[in-house]
Amino acid sequence: MLTLFLAGVFLSILFGVLAWRLTRTLPTRGVTSILVHIFLLAAALLIVFAYWGQYTAPGHRAFDEMDGIYPFLAGPLGTLLAAGAVLAGWLGRRRSRSSG
């Protein structure tokens, strides 16, 4: 299970770097740039929560039995948010190139 979690973290980091690179050419205060950064921050927080809830003793005490589904699903949701950041960055970059 830890291997799958680490693969998701690696994929999220890869998505995060790609999204950051895509937003470098966008306007700094543009909506898309801000949205990408919010997505990446939320993804990072979800992945940290997933690790804490699944792999630490205090996390196990806080989320035992059926409550453990929350940190279990937070990891894939963080990866999906990171992928959404890439998609938003790509669409914003494509839009800025076609309009300018």
N, C-alpha and C. Protein backbone atom coordinates (compact mmCIF):
# COMPACT_ATOMS: atom_id res chain seq x y z
N MET A 1 0.81 -1.19 0.00
CA MET A 1 0.00 0.00 0.00
C MET A 1 0.86 1.26 0.00
N LEU A 2 1.98 1.20 0.71
CA LEU A 2 2.88 2.34 0.74
C LEU A 2 3.47 2.60 -0.65
N THR A 3 3.72 1.56 -1.41
CA THR A 3 4.27 1.71 -2.76
C THR A 3 3.29 2.45 -3.65
N LEU A 4 2.02 2.12 -3.55
CA LEU A 4 1.00 2.80 -4.33
C LEU A 4 0.88 4.26 -3.92
N PHE A 5 0.96 4.53 -2.62
CA PHE A 5 0.91 5.90 -2.13
C PHE A 5 2.11 6.70 -2.65
N LEU A 6 3.29 6.11 -2.60
CA LEU A 6 4.48 6.80 -3.08
C LEU A 6 4.43 7.04 -4.58
N ALA A 7 3.83 6.12 -5.33
CA ALA A 7 3.66 6.33 -6.76
C ALA A 7 2.72 7.50 -7.01
N GLY A 8 1.67 7.62 -6.21
CA GLY A 8 0.76 8.76 -6.33
C GLY A 8 1.43 10.07 -5.98
N VAL A 9 2.28 10.05 -4.96
CA VAL A 9 3.02 11.26 -4.59
C VAL A 9 3.97 11.66 -5.71
N PHE A 10 4.67 10.69 -6.28
CA PHE A 10 5.58 10.99 -7.38
C PHE A 10 4.82 11.58 -8.57
N LEU A 11 3.67 10.99 -8.89
CA LEU A 11 2.86 11.49 -9.99
C LEU A 11 2.36 12.90 -9.70
N SER A 12 1.98 13.17 -8.46
CA SER A 12 1.52 14.51 -8.08
C SER A 12 2.64 15.53 -8.18
N ILE A 13 3.83 15.15 -7.78
CA ILE A 13 4.97 16.06 -7.90
C ILE A 13 5.27 16.34 -9.37
N LEU A 14 5.20 15.31 -10.18
CA LEU A 14 5.40 15.48 -11.62
C LEU A 14 4.36 16.42 -12.21
N PHE A 15 3.09 16.23 -11.83
CA PHE A 15 2.03 17.12 -12.28
C PHE A 15 2.25 18.54 -11.79
N GLY A 16 2.69 18.68 -10.55
CA GLY A 16 2.93 20.00 -9.98
C GLY A 16 4.02 20.76 -10.72
N VAL A 17 5.10 20.08 -11.04
CA VAL A 17 6.20 20.73 -11.79
C VAL A 17 5.73 21.11 -13.19
N LEU A 18 4.99 20.23 -13.82
CA LEU A 18 4.47 20.53 -15.15
C LEU A 18 3.51 21.71 -15.12
N ALA A 19 2.62 21.75 -14.13
CA ALA A 19 1.67 22.87 -14.01
C ALA A 19 2.41 24.17 -13.75
N TRP A 20 3.42 24.13 -12.90
CA TRP A 20 4.19 25.35 -12.61
C TRP A 20 4.88 25.86 -13.87
N ARG A 21 5.43 24.94 -14.65
CA ARG A 21 6.11 25.35 -15.89
C ARG A 21 5.13 25.95 -16.89
N LEU A 22 3.91 25.41 -16.92
CA LEU A 22 2.91 25.94 -17.84
C LEU A 22 2.45 27.33 -17.45
N THR A 23 2.46 27.65 -16.16
CA THR A 23 1.98 28.96 -15.72
C THR A 23 3.05 30.04 -15.78
N ARG A 24 4.27 29.69 -16.07
CA ARG A 24 5.32 30.72 -16.13
C ARG A 24 5.08 31.73 -17.24
N THR A 25 4.41 31.33 -18.31
CA THR A 25 4.17 32.24 -19.42
C THR A 25 2.84 32.97 -19.29
N LEU A 26 2.03 32.64 -18.29
CA LEU A 26 0.74 33.30 -18.10
C LEU A 26 0.91 34.60 -17.33
N PRO A 27 -0.06 35.51 -17.42
CA PRO A 27 -0.01 36.72 -16.60
C PRO A 27 0.01 36.37 -15.11
N THR A 28 0.79 37.11 -14.34
CA THR A 28 0.99 36.78 -12.94
C THR A 28 -0.30 36.82 -12.13
N ARG A 29 -1.13 37.79 -12.36
CA ARG A 29 -2.38 37.93 -11.60
C ARG A 29 -3.58 37.39 -12.37
N GLY A 30 -3.35 36.60 -13.38
CA GLY A 30 -4.45 36.04 -14.15
C GLY A 30 -5.22 35.00 -13.34
N VAL A 31 -6.48 34.83 -13.70
CA VAL A 31 -7.33 33.89 -12.99
C VAL A 31 -6.78 32.47 -13.11
N THR A 32 -6.32 32.10 -14.28
CA THR A 32 -5.81 30.75 -14.48
C THR A 32 -4.58 30.49 -13.62
N SER A 33 -3.69 31.45 -13.56
CA SER A 33 -2.49 31.28 -12.75
C SER A 33 -2.83 31.11 -11.28
N ILE A 34 -3.77 31.91 -10.79
CA ILE A 34 -4.19 31.80 -9.40
C ILE A 34 -4.88 30.46 -9.15
N LEU A 35 -5.71 30.04 -10.09
CA LEU A 35 -6.42 28.77 -9.97
C LEU A 35 -5.44 27.59 -9.91
N VAL A 36 -4.43 27.62 -10.75
CA VAL A 36 -3.43 26.55 -10.75
C VAL A 36 -2.71 26.49 -9.40
N HIS A 37 -2.36 27.64 -8.86
CA HIS A 37 -1.66 27.65 -7.58
C HIS A 37 -2.58 27.17 -6.43
N ILE A 38 -3.84 27.52 -6.49
CA ILE A 38 -4.78 27.03 -5.47
C ILE A 38 -4.94 25.52 -5.58
N PHE A 39 -5.07 25.00 -6.80
CA PHE A 39 -5.16 23.56 -7.00
C PHE A 39 -3.93 22.85 -6.46
N LEU A 40 -2.75 23.39 -6.73
CA LEU A 40 -1.53 22.74 -6.27
C LEU A 40 -1.40 22.78 -4.74
N LEU A 41 -1.81 23.89 -4.14
CA LEU A 41 -1.77 23.98 -2.68
C LEU A 41 -2.74 22.99 -2.06
N ALA A 42 -3.96 22.91 -2.60
CA ALA A 42 -4.94 21.96 -2.09
C ALA A 42 -4.46 20.52 -2.28
N ALA A 43 -3.84 20.23 -3.41
CA ALA A 43 -3.32 18.88 -3.66
C ALA A 43 -2.23 18.53 -2.65
N ALA A 44 -1.34 19.47 -2.38
CA ALA A 44 -0.28 19.21 -1.41
C ALA A 44 -0.85 18.97 -0.01
N LEU A 45 -1.84 19.78 0.38
CA LEU A 45 -2.45 19.59 1.69
C LEU A 45 -3.17 18.25 1.80
N LEU A 46 -3.86 17.85 0.74
CA LEU A 46 -4.55 16.56 0.76
C LEU A 46 -3.58 15.39 0.85
N ILE A 47 -2.46 15.49 0.16
CA ILE A 47 -1.48 14.40 0.18
C ILE A 47 -0.81 14.31 1.55
N VAL A 48 -0.51 15.45 2.15
CA VAL A 48 0.05 15.44 3.51
C VAL A 48 -0.96 14.85 4.49
N PHE A 49 -2.23 15.23 4.36
CA PHE A 49 -3.27 14.67 5.22
C PHE A 49 -3.40 13.16 5.02
N ALA A 50 -3.32 12.72 3.77
CA ALA A 50 -3.41 11.28 3.49
C ALA A 50 -2.27 10.53 4.15
N TYR A 51 -1.05 11.06 4.05
CA TYR A 51 0.09 10.40 4.68
C TYR A 51 -0.10 10.36 6.19
N TRP A 52 -0.48 11.49 6.76
CA TRP A 52 -0.65 11.56 8.22
C TRP A 52 -1.73 10.58 8.68
N GLY A 53 -2.84 10.52 7.97
CA GLY A 53 -3.94 9.67 8.38
C GLY A 53 -3.67 8.19 8.21
N GLN A 54 -2.84 7.83 7.25
CA GLN A 54 -2.61 6.41 6.97
C GLN A 54 -1.36 5.85 7.63
N TYR A 55 -0.33 6.65 7.77
CA TYR A 55 0.98 6.09 8.13
C TYR A 55 1.57 6.62 9.43
N THR A 56 0.81 7.37 10.23
CA THR A 56 1.33 7.80 11.52
C THR A 56 0.41 7.29 12.63
N ALA A 57 0.96 7.15 13.82
CA ALA A 57 0.17 6.65 14.95
C ALA A 57 -0.96 7.62 15.34
N PRO A 58 -0.68 8.93 15.43
CA PRO A 58 -1.80 9.84 15.74
C PRO A 58 -2.89 9.83 14.66
N GLY A 59 -2.49 9.64 13.42
CA GLY A 59 -3.47 9.56 12.35
C GLY A 59 -4.33 8.32 12.46
N HIS A 60 -3.70 7.22 12.85
CA HIS A 60 -4.46 5.98 13.05
C HIS A 60 -5.45 6.11 14.21
N ARG A 61 -5.04 6.83 15.26
CA ARG A 61 -5.95 7.02 16.39
C ARG A 61 -7.11 7.94 16.01
N ALA A 62 -6.83 8.96 15.20
CA ALA A 62 -7.88 9.91 14.82
C ALA A 62 -8.84 9.32 13.79
N PHE A 63 -8.33 8.49 12.92
CA PHE A 63 -9.16 7.91 11.85
C PHE A 63 -9.06 6.39 11.90
N ASP A 64 -9.81 5.78 12.81
CA ASP A 64 -9.78 4.33 12.92
C ASP A 64 -10.99 3.73 12.21
N GLU A 65 -10.86 2.50 11.85
CA GLU A 65 -11.90 1.71 11.20
C GLU A 65 -12.50 2.42 9.99
N MET A 66 -13.80 2.67 9.99
CA MET A 66 -14.45 3.22 8.79
C MET A 66 -14.08 4.68 8.54
N ASP A 67 -13.65 5.41 9.56
CA ASP A 67 -13.22 6.79 9.36
C ASP A 67 -11.92 6.85 8.56
N GLY A 68 -11.23 5.74 8.45
CA GLY A 68 -9.98 5.70 7.69
C GLY A 68 -10.17 5.91 6.21
N ILE A 69 -11.40 5.93 5.73
CA ILE A 69 -11.64 6.17 4.31
C ILE A 69 -11.28 7.61 3.92
N TYR A 70 -11.38 8.55 4.87
CA TYR A 70 -11.09 9.94 4.54
C TYR A 70 -9.62 10.14 4.15
N PRO A 71 -8.67 9.73 4.96
CA PRO A 71 -7.28 9.88 4.50
C PRO A 71 -6.95 8.96 3.34
N PHE A 72 -7.63 7.82 3.26
CA PHE A 72 -7.38 6.90 2.15
C PHE A 72 -7.77 7.53 0.81
N LEU A 73 -8.86 8.26 0.77
CA LEU A 73 -9.31 8.90 -0.47
C LEU A 73 -8.67 10.26 -0.70
N ALA A 74 -8.07 10.84 0.32
CA ALA A 74 -7.44 12.15 0.17
C ALA A 74 -6.22 12.09 -0.76
N GLY A 75 -5.50 10.98 -0.75
CA GLY A 75 -4.33 10.84 -1.62
C GLY A 75 -4.69 10.87 -3.10
N PRO A 76 -5.60 10.01 -3.57
CA PRO A 76 -6.00 10.07 -4.98
C PRO A 76 -6.66 11.40 -5.35
N LEU A 77 -7.41 11.99 -4.42
CA LEU A 77 -8.02 13.28 -4.71
C LEU A 77 -6.95 14.36 -4.89
N GLY A 78 -5.89 14.29 -4.10
CA GLY A 78 -4.78 15.23 -4.27
C GLY A 78 -4.10 15.06 -5.62
N THR A 79 -3.95 13.82 -6.05
CA THR A 79 -3.36 13.56 -7.36
C THR A 79 -4.27 14.08 -8.47
N LEU A 80 -5.57 13.90 -8.32
CA LEU A 80 -6.51 14.42 -9.32
C LEU A 80 -6.50 15.94 -9.36
N LEU A 81 -6.37 16.58 -8.21
CA LEU A 81 -6.27 18.05 -8.20
C LEU A 81 -4.99 18.52 -8.88
N ALA A 82 -3.91 17.80 -8.67
CA ALA A 82 -2.66 18.16 -9.35
C ALA A 82 -2.81 18.00 -10.87
N ALA A 83 -3.49 16.94 -11.29
CA ALA A 83 -3.76 16.75 -12.72
C ALA A 83 -4.67 17.85 -13.24
N GLY A 84 -5.64 18.28 -12.43
CA GLY A 84 -6.51 19.40 -12.81
C GLY A 84 -5.73 20.69 -12.94
N ALA A 85 -4.70 20.86 -12.12
CA ALA A 85 -3.85 22.05 -12.23
C ALA A 85 -3.10 22.04 -13.55
N VAL A 86 -2.63 20.87 -13.96
CA VAL A 86 -1.95 20.77 -15.27
C VAL A 86 -2.92 21.11 -16.39
N LEU A 87 -4.12 20.58 -16.31
CA LEU A 87 -5.12 20.85 -17.34
C LEU A 87 -5.48 22.34 -17.38
N ALA A 88 -5.67 22.95 -16.21
CA ALA A 88 -5.98 24.38 -16.18
C ALA A 88 -4.82 25.21 -16.72
N GLY A 89 -3.59 24.84 -16.36
CA GLY A 89 -2.43 25.57 -16.89
C GLY A 89 -2.29 25.42 -18.38
N TRP A 90 -2.53 24.22 -18.89
CA TRP A 90 -2.44 24.00 -20.33
C TRP A 90 -3.52 24.77 -21.08
N LEU A 91 -4.74 24.74 -20.56
CA LEU A 91 -5.83 25.48 -21.22
C LEU A 91 -5.59 26.99 -21.15
N GLY A 92 -5.09 27.47 -20.02
CA GLY A 92 -4.79 28.90 -19.91
C GLY A 92 -3.68 29.32 -20.84
N ARG A 93 -2.67 28.50 -20.97
CA ARG A 93 -1.57 28.82 -21.88
C ARG A 93 -2.04 28.80 -23.33
N ARG A 94 -2.87 27.83 -23.66
CA ARG A 94 -3.42 27.73 -25.02
C ARG A 94 -4.29 28.93 -25.33
N ARG A 95 -5.09 29.35 -24.35
CA ARG A 95 -5.97 30.50 -24.54
C ARG A 95 -5.18 31.79 -24.68
N SER A 96 -4.12 31.95 -23.89
CA SER A 96 -3.32 33.18 -23.96
C SER A 96 -2.55 33.26 -25.28
N ARG A 97 -2.16 32.12 -25.83
CA ARG A 97 -1.47 32.13 -27.11
C ARG A 97 -2.41 32.48 -28.27
N SER A 98 -3.66 32.00 -28.18
CA SER A 98 -4.60 32.27 -29.26
C SER A 98 -5.13 33.70 -29.23
N SER A 99 -5.16 34.33 -28.04
CA SER A 99 -5.68 35.68 -27.97
C SER A 99 -4.59 36.74 -28.12
N GLY A 100 -3.36 36.36 -27.93
CA GLY A 100 -2.30 37.36 -27.96
C GLY A 100 -1.29 37.10 -28.95
